[in-house]
Protein backbone atom coordinates (compact mmCIF):
# COMPACT_ATOMS: atom_id res chain seq x y z
CA MET A 1 69.35 73.63 -56.82
CA SER A 2 71.14 71.10 -54.66
CA GLU A 3 70.14 70.81 -51.06
CA GLN A 4 73.69 71.33 -49.81
CA SER A 5 73.96 74.68 -51.65
CA SER A 6 70.57 76.01 -50.55
CA PRO A 7 70.61 78.43 -47.61
CA VAL A 8 68.48 77.55 -44.59
CA SER A 9 65.83 80.23 -44.10
CA PRO A 10 64.95 81.54 -40.61
CA SER A 11 61.55 79.86 -40.93
CA LEU A 12 63.14 76.46 -41.56
CA ALA A 13 65.60 77.02 -38.72
CA TRP A 14 62.73 77.71 -36.32
CA MET A 15 60.86 74.67 -37.61
CA HIS A 16 63.93 72.59 -36.77
CA ARG A 17 64.02 74.03 -33.25
CA TYR A 18 60.34 73.21 -32.84
CA ALA A 19 60.99 69.64 -34.02
CA VAL A 20 63.81 69.34 -31.45
CA LEU A 21 61.42 70.58 -28.75
CA THR A 22 58.90 67.93 -29.78
CA ALA A 23 61.54 65.19 -29.56
CA VAL A 24 62.72 66.39 -26.14
CA CYS A 25 59.14 66.48 -24.82
CA THR A 26 58.63 62.98 -26.21
CA PHE A 27 61.57 61.81 -24.09
CA LEU A 28 59.96 63.46 -21.04
CA LEU A 29 56.75 61.61 -21.89
CA ILE A 30 58.65 58.31 -21.80
CA VAL A 31 60.07 59.29 -18.41
CA ALA A 32 56.55 60.08 -17.17
CA GLY A 33 55.32 56.71 -18.41
CA ALA A 34 58.21 54.95 -16.67
CA LEU A 35 57.25 56.66 -13.41
CA VAL A 36 53.66 55.45 -13.78
CA LYS A 37 54.80 51.83 -14.00
CA SER A 38 57.57 52.15 -11.41
CA THR A 39 55.18 53.61 -8.83
CA GLY A 40 52.40 51.12 -9.62
CA SER A 41 50.06 53.95 -10.59
CA GLY A 42 48.70 52.47 -13.81
CA LEU A 43 45.16 52.12 -12.43
CA ALA A 44 45.25 55.05 -10.04
CA VAL A 45 42.79 56.66 -12.46
CA PRO A 46 40.31 53.91 -13.42
CA ASP A 47 38.59 55.64 -16.34
CA TRP A 48 39.67 57.09 -19.70
CA PRO A 49 39.80 59.55 -21.43
CA LEU A 50 38.54 61.54 -18.45
CA SER A 51 39.97 61.10 -14.96
CA PHE A 52 37.26 60.29 -12.42
CA GLY A 53 34.88 61.90 -14.90
CA ARG A 54 36.80 65.18 -14.86
CA LEU A 55 39.41 66.90 -16.97
CA MET A 56 41.48 67.69 -13.88
CA PRO A 57 41.26 65.42 -10.84
CA GLU A 58 42.91 66.05 -7.49
CA MET A 59 46.61 65.38 -8.08
CA VAL A 60 47.42 63.21 -5.06
CA GLY A 61 49.12 59.84 -4.71
CA GLY A 62 49.24 57.72 -7.82
CA VAL A 63 46.86 60.09 -9.59
CA PHE A 64 49.72 62.58 -9.81
CA PHE A 65 51.76 60.13 -11.89
CA GLU A 66 48.95 58.66 -14.00
CA HIS A 67 47.09 61.87 -14.79
CA GLY A 68 50.40 63.72 -15.09
CA HIS A 69 51.40 61.21 -17.75
CA ARG A 70 48.17 61.92 -19.61
CA MET A 71 48.80 65.67 -19.44
CA VAL A 72 52.31 65.30 -20.88
CA ALA A 73 50.93 62.97 -23.58
CA THR A 74 48.30 65.56 -24.53
CA PHE A 75 50.98 68.26 -24.72
CA VAL A 76 53.15 66.09 -26.98
CA GLY A 77 50.12 65.36 -29.14
CA LEU A 78 49.45 69.09 -29.56
CA LEU A 79 53.12 69.71 -30.36
CA THR A 80 52.96 66.97 -32.98
CA ILE A 81 49.88 68.48 -34.60
CA GLY A 82 51.63 71.84 -34.73
CA LEU A 83 54.72 70.29 -36.29
CA VAL A 84 52.67 68.43 -38.91
CA VAL A 85 50.90 71.65 -39.92
CA TRP A 86 54.18 73.59 -40.01
CA ILE A 87 55.93 70.94 -42.11
CA HIS A 88 53.05 70.66 -44.58
CA ARG A 89 53.00 74.43 -45.03
CA THR A 90 56.75 75.02 -45.47
CA GLU A 91 58.56 71.75 -46.27
CA SER A 92 59.33 71.05 -49.93
CA ARG A 93 60.37 67.42 -49.48
CA ARG A 94 57.38 65.14 -49.96
CA TRP A 95 58.84 62.29 -47.90
CA VAL A 96 59.31 64.60 -44.89
CA ARG A 97 55.68 65.70 -45.14
CA ARG A 98 54.60 62.07 -45.27
CA LEU A 99 56.78 61.24 -42.29
CA SER A 100 55.13 64.00 -40.27
CA THR A 101 51.70 62.56 -41.14
CA ILE A 102 52.88 59.13 -40.01
CA SER A 103 54.05 60.65 -36.72
CA LEU A 104 50.56 62.00 -36.12
CA ALA A 105 49.03 58.58 -36.83
CA ILE A 106 51.46 56.98 -34.39
CA ILE A 107 50.74 59.42 -31.56
CA LEU A 108 46.98 58.95 -32.01
CA THR A 109 47.39 55.17 -31.96
CA GLN A 110 49.59 55.48 -28.91
CA GLY A 111 46.91 57.45 -27.12
CA CYS A 112 44.35 54.74 -27.88
CA LEU A 113 46.73 52.06 -26.61
CA GLY A 114 47.19 54.07 -23.43
CA GLY A 115 43.43 54.13 -22.97
CA MET A 116 43.20 50.38 -23.59
CA THR A 117 45.78 49.67 -20.90
CA VAL A 118 43.48 51.37 -18.38
CA LEU A 119 40.12 50.10 -19.64
CA LEU A 120 41.40 46.51 -19.93
CA LYS A 121 43.14 46.68 -16.51
CA LEU A 122 46.79 46.61 -17.66
CA PRO A 123 47.01 43.43 -19.78
CA PRO A 124 50.76 42.80 -20.31
CA ILE A 125 50.55 42.45 -24.10
CA VAL A 126 48.81 45.83 -24.49
CA SER A 127 51.18 47.50 -22.03
CA ILE A 128 54.19 46.10 -23.90
CA ALA A 129 52.75 47.32 -27.22
CA HIS A 130 52.21 50.74 -25.62
CA ALA A 131 55.84 50.82 -24.47
CA GLY A 132 57.19 49.60 -27.82
CA LEU A 133 55.18 52.12 -29.85
CA ALA A 134 56.37 54.93 -27.57
CA GLU A 135 59.95 54.13 -28.57
CA ILE A 136 59.01 54.11 -32.25
CA PHE A 137 57.38 57.52 -31.92
CA PHE A 138 60.48 58.83 -30.13
CA CYS A 139 62.59 57.69 -33.07
CA VAL A 140 60.21 59.29 -35.58
CA ALA A 141 60.23 62.57 -33.62
CA ALA A 142 64.04 62.44 -33.53
CA THR A 143 64.06 61.77 -37.29
CA MET A 144 62.07 64.93 -37.95
CA ALA A 145 64.45 66.89 -35.74
CA LEU A 146 67.43 65.56 -37.69
CA VAL A 147 66.10 65.89 -41.24
CA THR A 148 64.97 69.47 -40.65
CA SER A 149 68.43 70.45 -39.40
CA GLY A 150 70.88 72.54 -41.37
CA TRP A 151 73.40 69.69 -41.25
CA TRP A 152 71.05 67.30 -43.05
CA ARG A 153 70.27 69.89 -45.70
CA ARG A 154 73.94 70.75 -46.25
CA ALA A 155 75.42 67.28 -45.68
CA GLN A 156 78.62 66.79 -47.64
CA GLY A 157 78.38 63.73 -49.79
CA PRO A 158 79.35 61.37 -51.06
CA LEU A 159 82.34 60.91 -48.78
CA PRO A 160 84.42 58.18 -50.43
CA SER A 161 84.31 55.04 -48.35
CA ALA A 162 84.64 51.57 -49.80
CA SER A 163 83.29 50.14 -46.54
CA ALA A 164 80.34 52.56 -46.29
CA LEU A 165 77.68 49.88 -46.78
CA GLY A 166 79.19 47.67 -44.08
CA LEU A 167 79.27 50.56 -41.61
CA GLN A 168 75.69 51.49 -42.41
CA LEU A 169 74.43 47.94 -41.98
CA GLN A 170 76.32 47.55 -38.71
CA CYS A 171 74.75 50.73 -37.34
CA ALA A 172 71.32 49.51 -38.45
CA LEU A 173 71.92 46.13 -36.80
CA LEU A 174 72.91 47.83 -33.56
CA THR A 175 69.71 49.89 -33.62
CA ALA A 176 67.56 46.81 -34.23
CA VAL A 177 69.22 44.90 -31.39
CA VAL A 178 68.73 47.84 -29.02
CA TYR A 179 65.03 47.97 -29.90
CA LEU A 180 64.62 44.24 -29.30
CA GLN A 181 66.41 44.69 -25.98
CA ILE A 182 63.94 47.42 -25.02
CA LEU A 183 61.03 45.12 -25.88
CA LEU A 184 62.63 42.44 -23.71
CA GLY A 185 62.89 44.98 -20.90
CA ALA A 186 59.21 45.83 -21.31
CA LEU A 187 58.41 42.11 -21.18
CA VAL A 188 60.37 41.78 -17.92
CA ARG A 189 58.77 44.89 -16.44
CA HIS A 190 55.15 44.19 -17.33
CA TYR A 191 55.30 40.51 -16.35
CA GLY A 192 56.80 41.44 -12.98
CA ALA A 193 60.07 39.57 -13.58
CA GLY A 194 62.39 42.40 -12.54
CA LEU A 195 63.57 40.56 -9.43
CA SER A 196 63.31 37.01 -10.71
CA ILE A 197 67.10 37.02 -10.45
CA ARG A 198 67.97 38.92 -7.29
CA THR A 199 71.74 39.33 -7.66
CA PHE A 200 73.92 41.20 -10.14
CA PRO A 201 76.16 40.76 -12.13
CA LEU A 202 76.07 37.05 -11.30
CA ALA A 203 72.79 35.18 -10.94
CA ASP A 204 72.82 33.59 -7.49
CA GLY A 205 76.56 33.07 -7.80
CA LYS A 206 76.38 31.63 -11.33
CA TRP A 207 76.88 33.07 -14.79
CA ILE A 208 73.89 31.11 -16.11
CA PRO A 209 71.01 30.63 -13.66
CA ASP A 210 68.67 27.67 -13.50
CA LEU A 211 66.18 28.52 -16.23
CA ASP A 212 63.31 26.84 -14.43
CA SER A 213 60.61 29.43 -15.07
CA PHE A 214 59.39 31.83 -17.73
CA TYR A 215 60.21 34.78 -15.49
CA VAL A 216 63.81 33.76 -14.89
CA GLY A 217 64.17 33.05 -18.59
CA ILE A 218 63.05 36.49 -19.80
CA HIS A 219 65.07 38.22 -17.08
CA PHE A 220 68.22 36.36 -18.05
CA ALA A 221 67.55 36.98 -21.76
CA HIS A 222 67.41 40.69 -20.97
CA ARG A 223 70.82 40.48 -19.30
CA VAL A 224 72.27 38.62 -22.28
CA GLY A 225 70.79 41.29 -24.54
CA ALA A 226 72.59 43.98 -22.54
CA VAL A 227 75.92 42.26 -23.13
CA LEU A 228 75.17 41.96 -26.86
CA VAL A 229 74.24 45.66 -27.10
CA ALA A 230 77.44 46.65 -25.31
CA LEU A 231 79.61 44.51 -27.60
CA LEU A 232 77.92 45.84 -30.74
CA ALA A 233 78.24 49.44 -29.53
CA VAL A 234 81.96 49.03 -28.92
CA ALA A 235 82.49 47.25 -32.25
CA THR A 236 80.58 49.95 -34.14
CA ALA A 237 82.50 52.78 -32.48
CA VAL A 238 85.82 51.07 -33.18
CA ARG A 239 84.87 50.57 -36.81
CA LEU A 240 83.71 54.16 -37.26
CA PHE A 241 86.85 55.65 -35.75
CA GLY A 242 89.20 53.06 -37.21
CA ASP A 243 88.12 53.28 -40.84
CA LEU A 244 91.12 54.67 -42.73
CA GLU A 245 89.08 56.43 -45.39
CA LEU A 246 86.93 58.13 -42.78
CA ALA A 247 90.07 59.12 -40.90
CA GLN A 248 91.31 60.86 -44.04
CA ALA A 249 87.93 62.56 -44.50
CA ARG A 250 88.03 63.83 -40.89
CA ARG A 251 91.13 65.84 -41.70
CA ARG A 252 89.02 68.05 -43.96
CA PRO A 253 87.75 71.09 -42.04
CA ASP A 254 84.34 70.73 -43.72
CA HIS A 255 83.96 66.96 -43.30
CA GLY A 256 80.58 67.24 -41.55
CA LEU A 257 81.01 63.90 -39.75
CA GLY A 258 80.10 65.17 -36.27
CA PRO A 259 76.55 63.74 -36.33
CA VAL A 260 78.06 60.35 -37.23
CA LEU A 261 80.96 60.21 -34.79
CA LEU A 262 79.60 62.04 -31.74
CA PRO A 263 76.67 59.62 -31.27
CA ALA A 264 79.16 56.73 -31.35
CA VAL A 265 81.01 58.22 -28.37
CA ALA A 266 77.77 59.14 -26.59
CA LEU A 267 76.46 55.61 -27.11
CA LEU A 268 79.41 54.08 -25.28
CA VAL A 269 78.79 56.35 -22.30
CA ILE A 270 75.03 55.77 -22.31
CA VAL A 271 75.30 51.98 -22.61
CA SER A 272 77.80 51.88 -19.74
CA GLY A 273 75.43 53.92 -17.59
CA GLN A 274 72.50 51.76 -18.60
CA ILE A 275 74.21 48.56 -17.49
CA LEU A 276 75.11 50.19 -14.18
CA LEU A 277 71.50 51.32 -13.73
CA GLY A 278 70.37 47.77 -14.42
CA GLY A 279 72.57 46.67 -11.54
CA TYR A 280 71.11 49.33 -9.27
CA VAL A 281 67.58 48.18 -10.13
CA ILE A 282 68.52 44.80 -8.63
CA TRP A 283 70.62 46.13 -5.74
CA THR A 284 67.88 48.56 -4.64
CA GLU A 285 65.10 46.01 -5.24
CA ARG A 286 63.51 48.06 -7.99
CA ALA A 287 63.66 51.49 -6.38
CA VAL A 288 61.36 53.86 -8.27
CA GLU A 289 64.04 56.32 -9.33
CA MET A 290 66.41 53.58 -10.51
CA THR A 291 63.74 51.73 -12.48
CA ALA A 292 62.48 54.89 -14.16
CA ALA A 293 66.03 56.00 -14.98
CA HIS A 294 66.74 52.58 -16.47
CA VAL A 295 63.74 52.88 -18.79
CA ALA A 296 64.63 56.46 -19.75
CA THR A 297 68.25 55.59 -20.48
CA GLY A 298 67.10 52.67 -22.61
CA ALA A 299 65.15 55.14 -24.75
CA LEU A 300 68.23 57.36 -25.03
CA THR A 301 70.28 54.33 -26.10
CA LEU A 302 67.83 53.54 -28.87
CA VAL A 303 67.48 57.06 -30.23
CA THR A 304 71.25 57.64 -30.14
CA ALA A 305 71.92 54.46 -32.11
CA TYR A 306 69.09 55.32 -34.49
CA LEU A 307 70.29 58.86 -35.16
CA MET A 308 73.81 57.56 -35.71
CA THR A 309 72.39 55.14 -38.28
CA LEU A 310 70.48 57.88 -40.11
CA ALA A 311 73.52 60.17 -40.10
CA THR A 312 75.71 57.35 -41.38
CA PHE A 313 73.37 56.66 -44.30
CA ARG A 314 73.25 60.40 -45.04
CA ALA A 315 76.97 61.20 -44.84
CA LEU A 316 78.62 58.01 -46.05
CA ARG A 317 77.95 56.99 -49.62
CA GLN A 318 79.65 54.23 -51.54
CA THR A 319 82.26 55.45 -53.98
CA PRO A 320 80.68 55.81 -57.46
CA ALA A 321 81.77 53.25 -60.03
CA ALA A 322 82.83 55.96 -62.50
CA PRO A 323 85.95 58.01 -61.71
CA VAL A 324 85.22 61.26 -59.91
CA ALA A 325 87.50 64.25 -60.22
CA GLN A 326 89.28 65.22 -57.02
CA GLY A 327 87.29 67.74 -55.01
CA SER A 328 84.05 67.17 -56.89
CA LEU A 329 80.86 66.49 -55.02
CA THR A 330 77.74 64.70 -56.11
CA GLU A 331 74.67 66.76 -55.40
CA ALA A 332 72.53 65.46 -52.60
CA THR A 333 68.88 65.20 -53.41
CA ALA A 334 67.53 63.55 -50.29
């Protein structure tokens, strides 16, 4: 039986809701991690996995942020274990079961990296790896939320689009550039280069500053990356909404293109807010709330672009070479 004709059972619907909860809590974990760095609380608890030799230390000062981050991480880990068990017991698609197992491996590795950052006294390379892997896990958690949804199971396809491959590759390119931009941001943050250029949008009255140090160089590269992300986001949205064949498909009441088009609009809003937050980080001299919000919004930018890419690959298929009768649909097997 084709996936698009199969009804979604209540058990699968609840599994999807649980996967969404896991993804949302993962985002909150990223926010908690951003607060640890923004408040300088990374070594407020000097040992790991216990905190001052206890499961629950006194939650004061920086300990509140550092141990709080560990508590949220533990909760997300437990949610992930529950999701893996649920998926392996009820999910018929082998690749989804494997993906859930990979998610568990990632969260365990992430926990070990978190411990290494403390035991090795916050070496930048380990901290950057910890930040980068957190974003990857967020994307994997979001993937499980998407592929367990009723939309993914019932996705209409193929929608005829001669330019489908180009759209898909452009969405994938945007996602890759956003991830590289996040890694650049982590490089800036963990090497203490956030205020290497102290004015925004210009750099000391110039478009291109004097690149006389590593810190100024990575800070300026991060700003250039923000411009590139913004341009790609606009270009991708314009292409998605301007494609004539997609415009014709949108006139169908059952087109099912919401998960493709809505993220494109959301991405424009999020990227605009992210650039503004970047300005506020400079203007407020790295105020805690602005810096943490900037990191959190970066994660939202990545996962929105990533989900748009997945939805685009799911909904938009290249037109088959053989003629297809009007109104016919090719069964989806993914």
